[in-house]
Amino acid sequence: MKLGLLVMDKLGQLAYSLARELVFSPLLIPPLPTLLMLLDQLDLLGIK
């Protein structure tokens, strides 16, 4: 149970920093590798 919470916390931090990068990025294009990595992590957790 704690592991799941920890993973969700890390994902939340990732999503937050990604959103922050998007907001402050002069080019509003997200780093594609980061997005793909995030999607892979979500798939691993079974979240679609």
PDB file of N, CA and C in Angstrom:
ATOM      1  N   MET A   1       0.834  -1.199   0.000  1.00  0.00           N
ATOM      2  CA  MET A   1       0.000   0.000   0.000  1.00  0.00           C
ATOM      3  C   MET A   1       0.873   1.255   0.000  1.00  0.00           C
ATOM      4  N   LYS A   2       1.888   1.255   0.862  1.00  0.00           N
ATOM      5  CA  LYS A   2       2.764   2.430   0.933  1.00  0.00           C
ATOM      6  C   LYS A   2       3.513   2.631  -0.375  1.00  0.00           C
ATOM      7  N   LEU A   3       3.882   1.522  -1.023  1.00  0.00           N
ATOM      8  CA  LEU A   3       4.606   1.632  -2.287  1.00  0.00           C
ATOM      9  C   LEU A   3       3.738   2.329  -3.325  1.00  0.00           C
ATOM     10  N   GLY A   4       2.462   1.964  -3.376  1.00  0.00           N
ATOM     11  CA  GLY A   4       1.541   2.599  -4.321  1.00  0.00           C
ATOM     12  C   GLY A   4       1.431   4.091  -4.071  1.00  0.00           C
ATOM     13  N   LEU A   5       1.335   4.458  -2.797  1.00  0.00           N
ATOM     14  CA  LEU A   5       1.241   5.876  -2.458  1.00  0.00           C
ATOM     15  C   LEU A   5       2.515   6.609  -2.854  1.00  0.00           C
ATOM     16  N   LEU A   6       3.655   5.973  -2.625  1.00  0.00           N
ATOM     17  CA  LEU A   6       4.932   6.586  -2.977  1.00  0.00           C
ATOM     18  C   LEU A   6       5.018   6.808  -4.482  1.00  0.00           C
ATOM     19  N   VAL A   7       4.607   5.789  -5.246  1.00  0.00           N
ATOM     20  CA  VAL A   7       4.646   5.895  -6.707  1.00  0.00           C
ATOM     21  C   VAL A   7       3.712   7.007  -7.185  1.00  0.00           C
ATOM     22  N   MET A   8       2.516   7.068  -6.609  1.00  0.00           N
ATOM     23  CA  MET A   8       1.573   8.116  -6.993  1.00  0.00           C
ATOM     24  C   MET A   8       2.140   9.494  -6.657  1.00  0.00           C
ATOM     25  N   ASP A   9       2.830   9.593  -5.516  1.00  0.00           N
ATOM     26  CA  ASP A   9       3.448  10.860  -5.129  1.00  0.00           C
ATOM     27  C   ASP A   9       4.509  11.271  -6.144  1.00  0.00           C
ATOM     28  N   LYS A  10       5.346  10.307  -6.550  1.00  0.00           N
ATOM     29  CA  LYS A  10       6.392  10.596  -7.527  1.00  0.00           C
ATOM     30  C   LYS A  10       5.771  11.000  -8.859  1.00  0.00           C
ATOM     31  N   LEU A  11       4.705  10.313  -9.267  1.00  0.00           N
ATOM     32  CA  LEU A  11       4.035  10.655 -10.519  1.00  0.00           C
ATOM     33  C   LEU A  11       3.442  12.053 -10.436  1.00  0.00           C
ATOM     34  N   GLY A  12       2.903  12.389  -9.276  1.00  0.00           N
ATOM     35  CA  GLY A  12       2.358  13.727  -9.084  1.00  0.00           C
ATOM     36  C   GLY A  12       3.443  14.783  -9.232  1.00  0.00           C
ATOM     37  N   GLN A  13       4.613  14.504  -8.661  1.00  0.00           N
ATOM     38  CA  GLN A  13       5.730  15.441  -8.769  1.00  0.00           C
ATOM     39  C   GLN A  13       6.177  15.566 -10.225  1.00  0.00           C
ATOM     40  N   LEU A  14       6.220  14.430 -10.929  1.00  0.00           N
ATOM     41  CA  LEU A  14       6.600  14.446 -12.341  1.00  0.00           C
ATOM     42  C   LEU A  14       5.623  15.279 -13.150  1.00  0.00           C
ATOM     43  N   ALA A  15       4.328  15.029 -12.931  1.00  0.00           N
ATOM     44  CA  ALA A  15       3.299  15.764 -13.666  1.00  0.00           C
ATOM     45  C   ALA A  15       3.381  17.253 -13.346  1.00  0.00           C
ATOM     46  N   TYR A  16       3.627  17.569 -12.077  1.00  0.00           N
ATOM     47  CA  TYR A  16       3.718  18.972 -11.660  1.00  0.00           C
ATOM     48  C   TYR A  16       4.901  19.664 -12.332  1.00  0.00           C
ATOM     49  N   SER A  17       6.066  19.019 -12.305  1.00  0.00           N
ATOM     50  CA  SER A  17       7.236  19.654 -12.914  1.00  0.00           C
ATOM     51  C   SER A  17       7.078  19.745 -14.432  1.00  0.00           C
ATOM     52  N   LEU A  18       6.425  18.742 -15.028  1.00  0.00           N
ATOM     53  CA  LEU A  18       6.179  18.793 -16.468  1.00  0.00           C
ATOM     54  C   LEU A  18       5.260  19.963 -16.801  1.00  0.00           C
ATOM     55  N   ALA A  19       4.195  20.120 -16.021  1.00  0.00           N
ATOM     56  CA  ALA A  19       3.261  21.231 -16.243  1.00  0.00           C
ATOM     57  C   ALA A  19       3.970  22.568 -16.037  1.00  0.00           C
ATOM     58  N   ARG A  20       4.829  22.636 -15.012  1.00  0.00           N
ATOM     59  CA  ARG A  20       5.551  23.873 -14.733  1.00  0.00           C
ATOM     60  C   ARG A  20       6.492  24.203 -15.892  1.00  0.00           C
ATOM     61  N   GLU A  21       7.159  23.178 -16.428  1.00  0.00           N
ATOM     62  CA  GLU A  21       8.038  23.391 -17.578  1.00  0.00           C
ATOM     63  C   GLU A  21       7.239  23.903 -18.767  1.00  0.00           C
ATOM     64  N   LEU A  22       6.048  23.339 -18.958  1.00  0.00           N
ATOM     65  CA  LEU A  22       5.198  23.769 -20.071  1.00  0.00           C
ATOM     66  C   LEU A  22       4.810  25.232 -19.916  1.00  0.00           C
ATOM     67  N   VAL A  23       4.440  25.600 -18.692  1.00  0.00           N
ATOM     68  CA  VAL A  23       3.977  26.967 -18.448  1.00  0.00           C
ATOM     69  C   VAL A  23       5.104  27.972 -18.672  1.00  0.00           C
ATOM     70  N   PHE A  24       6.294  27.624 -18.207  1.00  0.00           N
ATOM     71  CA  PHE A  24       7.394  28.583 -18.269  1.00  0.00           C
ATOM     72  C   PHE A  24       8.269  28.419 -19.510  1.00  0.00           C
ATOM     73  N   SER A  25       7.956  27.409 -20.310  1.00  0.00           N
ATOM     74  CA  SER A  25       8.750  27.196 -21.515  1.00  0.00           C
ATOM     75  C   SER A  25       8.356  28.195 -22.600  1.00  0.00           C
ATOM     76  N   PRO A  26       9.341  28.855 -23.222  1.00  0.00           N
ATOM     77  CA  PRO A  26       9.019  29.796 -24.302  1.00  0.00           C
ATOM     78  C   PRO A  26       8.361  29.089 -25.482  1.00  0.00           C
ATOM     79  N   LEU A  27       8.811  27.884 -25.772  1.00  0.00           N
ATOM     80  CA  LEU A  27       8.156  27.068 -26.791  1.00  0.00           C
ATOM     81  C   LEU A  27       7.219  26.119 -26.061  1.00  0.00           C
ATOM     82  N   LEU A  28       5.933  26.213 -26.384  1.00  0.00           N
ATOM     83  CA  LEU A  28       4.971  25.387 -25.649  1.00  0.00           C
ATOM     84  C   LEU A  28       4.918  23.973 -26.210  1.00  0.00           C
ATOM     85  N   ILE A  29       6.094  23.405 -26.410  1.00  0.00           N
ATOM     86  CA  ILE A  29       6.177  22.027 -26.893  1.00  0.00           C
ATOM     87  C   ILE A  29       6.807  21.196 -25.788  1.00  0.00           C
ATOM     88  N   PRO A  30       6.075  20.240 -25.248  1.00  0.00           N
ATOM     89  CA  PRO A  30       6.628  19.409 -24.175  1.00  0.00           C
ATOM     90  C   PRO A  30       7.775  18.550 -24.693  1.00  0.00           C
ATOM     91  N   PRO A  31       8.752  18.281 -23.846  1.00  0.00           N
ATOM     92  CA  PRO A  31       9.827  17.360 -24.239  1.00  0.00           C
ATOM     93  C   PRO A  31       9.243  15.980 -24.498  1.00  0.00           C
ATOM     94  N   LEU A  32       9.308  15.532 -25.733  1.00  0.00           N
ATOM     95  CA  LEU A  32       8.655  14.281 -26.125  1.00  0.00           C
ATOM     96  C   LEU A  32       9.158  13.071 -25.340  1.00  0.00           C
ATOM     97  N   PRO A  33      10.483  12.908 -25.150  1.00  0.00           N
ATOM     98  CA  PRO A  33      10.952  11.753 -24.369  1.00  0.00           C
ATOM     99  C   PRO A  33      10.361  11.720 -22.963  1.00  0.00           C
ATOM    100  N   THR A  34      10.230  12.894 -22.348  1.00  0.00           N
ATOM    101  CA  THR A  34       9.666  12.945 -20.999  1.00  0.00           C
ATOM    102  C   THR A  34       8.220  12.488 -21.013  1.00  0.00           C
ATOM    103  N   LEU A  35       7.455  12.944 -22.010  1.00  0.00           N
ATOM    104  CA  LEU A  35       6.051  12.544 -22.119  1.00  0.00           C
ATOM    105  C   LEU A  35       5.930  11.043 -22.339  1.00  0.00           C
ATOM    106  N   LEU A  36       6.774  10.512 -23.234  1.00  0.00           N
ATOM    107  CA  LEU A  36       6.719   9.081 -23.517  1.00  0.00           C
ATOM    108  C   LEU A  36       7.087   8.275 -22.282  1.00  0.00           C
ATOM    109  N   MET A  37       8.087   8.757 -21.539  1.00  0.00           N
ATOM    110  CA  MET A  37       8.495   8.073 -20.318  1.00  0.00           C
ATOM    111  C   MET A  37       7.353   8.072 -19.312  1.00  0.00           C
ATOM    112  N   LEU A  38       6.671   9.218 -19.196  1.00  0.00           N
ATOM    113  CA  LEU A  38       5.561   9.332 -18.266  1.00  0.00           C
ATOM    114  C   LEU A  38       4.437   8.377 -18.664  1.00  0.00           C
ATOM    115  N   LEU A  39       4.150   8.295 -19.961  1.00  0.00           N
ATOM    116  CA  LEU A  39       3.106   7.389 -20.440  1.00  0.00           C
ATOM    117  C   LEU A  39       3.484   5.940 -20.151  1.00  0.00           C
ATOM    118  N   ASP A  40       4.767   5.618 -20.326  1.00  0.00           N
ATOM    119  CA  ASP A  40       5.233   4.265 -20.019  1.00  0.00           C
ATOM    120  C   ASP A  40       5.028   3.950 -18.543  1.00  0.00           C
ATOM    121  N   GLN A  41       5.335   4.897 -17.675  1.00  0.00           N
ATOM    122  CA  GLN A  41       5.154   4.691 -16.242  1.00  0.00           C
ATOM    123  C   GLN A  41       3.688   4.445 -15.919  1.00  0.00           C
ATOM    124  N   LEU A  42       2.792   5.215 -16.545  1.00  0.00           N
ATOM    125  CA  LEU A  42       1.362   5.045 -16.299  1.00  0.00           C
ATOM    126  C   LEU A  42       0.913   3.667 -16.771  1.00  0.00           C
ATOM    127  N   ASP A  43       1.428   3.223 -17.924  1.00  0.00           N
ATOM    128  CA  ASP A  43       1.082   1.899 -18.432  1.00  0.00           C
ATOM    129  C   ASP A  43       1.543   0.811 -17.472  1.00  0.00           C
ATOM    130  N   LEU A  44       2.739   0.983 -16.917  1.00  0.00           N
ATOM    131  CA  LEU A  44       3.272  -0.002 -15.982  1.00  0.00           C
ATOM    132  C   LEU A  44       2.382  -0.123 -14.756  1.00  0.00           C
ATOM    133  N   LEU A  45       1.786   0.996 -14.346  1.00  0.00           N
ATOM    134  CA  LEU A  45       0.934   0.985 -13.162  1.00  0.00           C
ATOM    135  C   LEU A  45      -0.474   0.502 -13.482  1.00  0.00           C
ATOM    136  N   GLY A  46      -0.769   0.350 -14.780  1.00  0.00           N
ATOM    137  CA  GLY A  46      -2.100  -0.100 -15.157  1.00  0.00           C
ATOM    138  C   GLY A  46      -3.101   1.037 -15.192  1.00  0.00           C
ATOM    139  N   ILE A  47      -2.607   2.273 -15.269  1.00  0.00           N
ATOM    140  CA  ILE A  47      -3.493   3.431 -15.356  1.00  0.00           C
ATOM    141  C   ILE A  47      -3.537   3.878 -16.809  1.00  0.00           C
ATOM    142  N   LYS A  48      -4.725   3.981 -17.335  1.00  0.00           N
ATOM    143  CA  LYS A  48      -4.834   4.369 -18.748  1.00  0.00           C
ATOM    144  C   LYS A  48      -5.566   5.687 -18.849  1.00  0.00           C
TER     145      LYS A  48
END
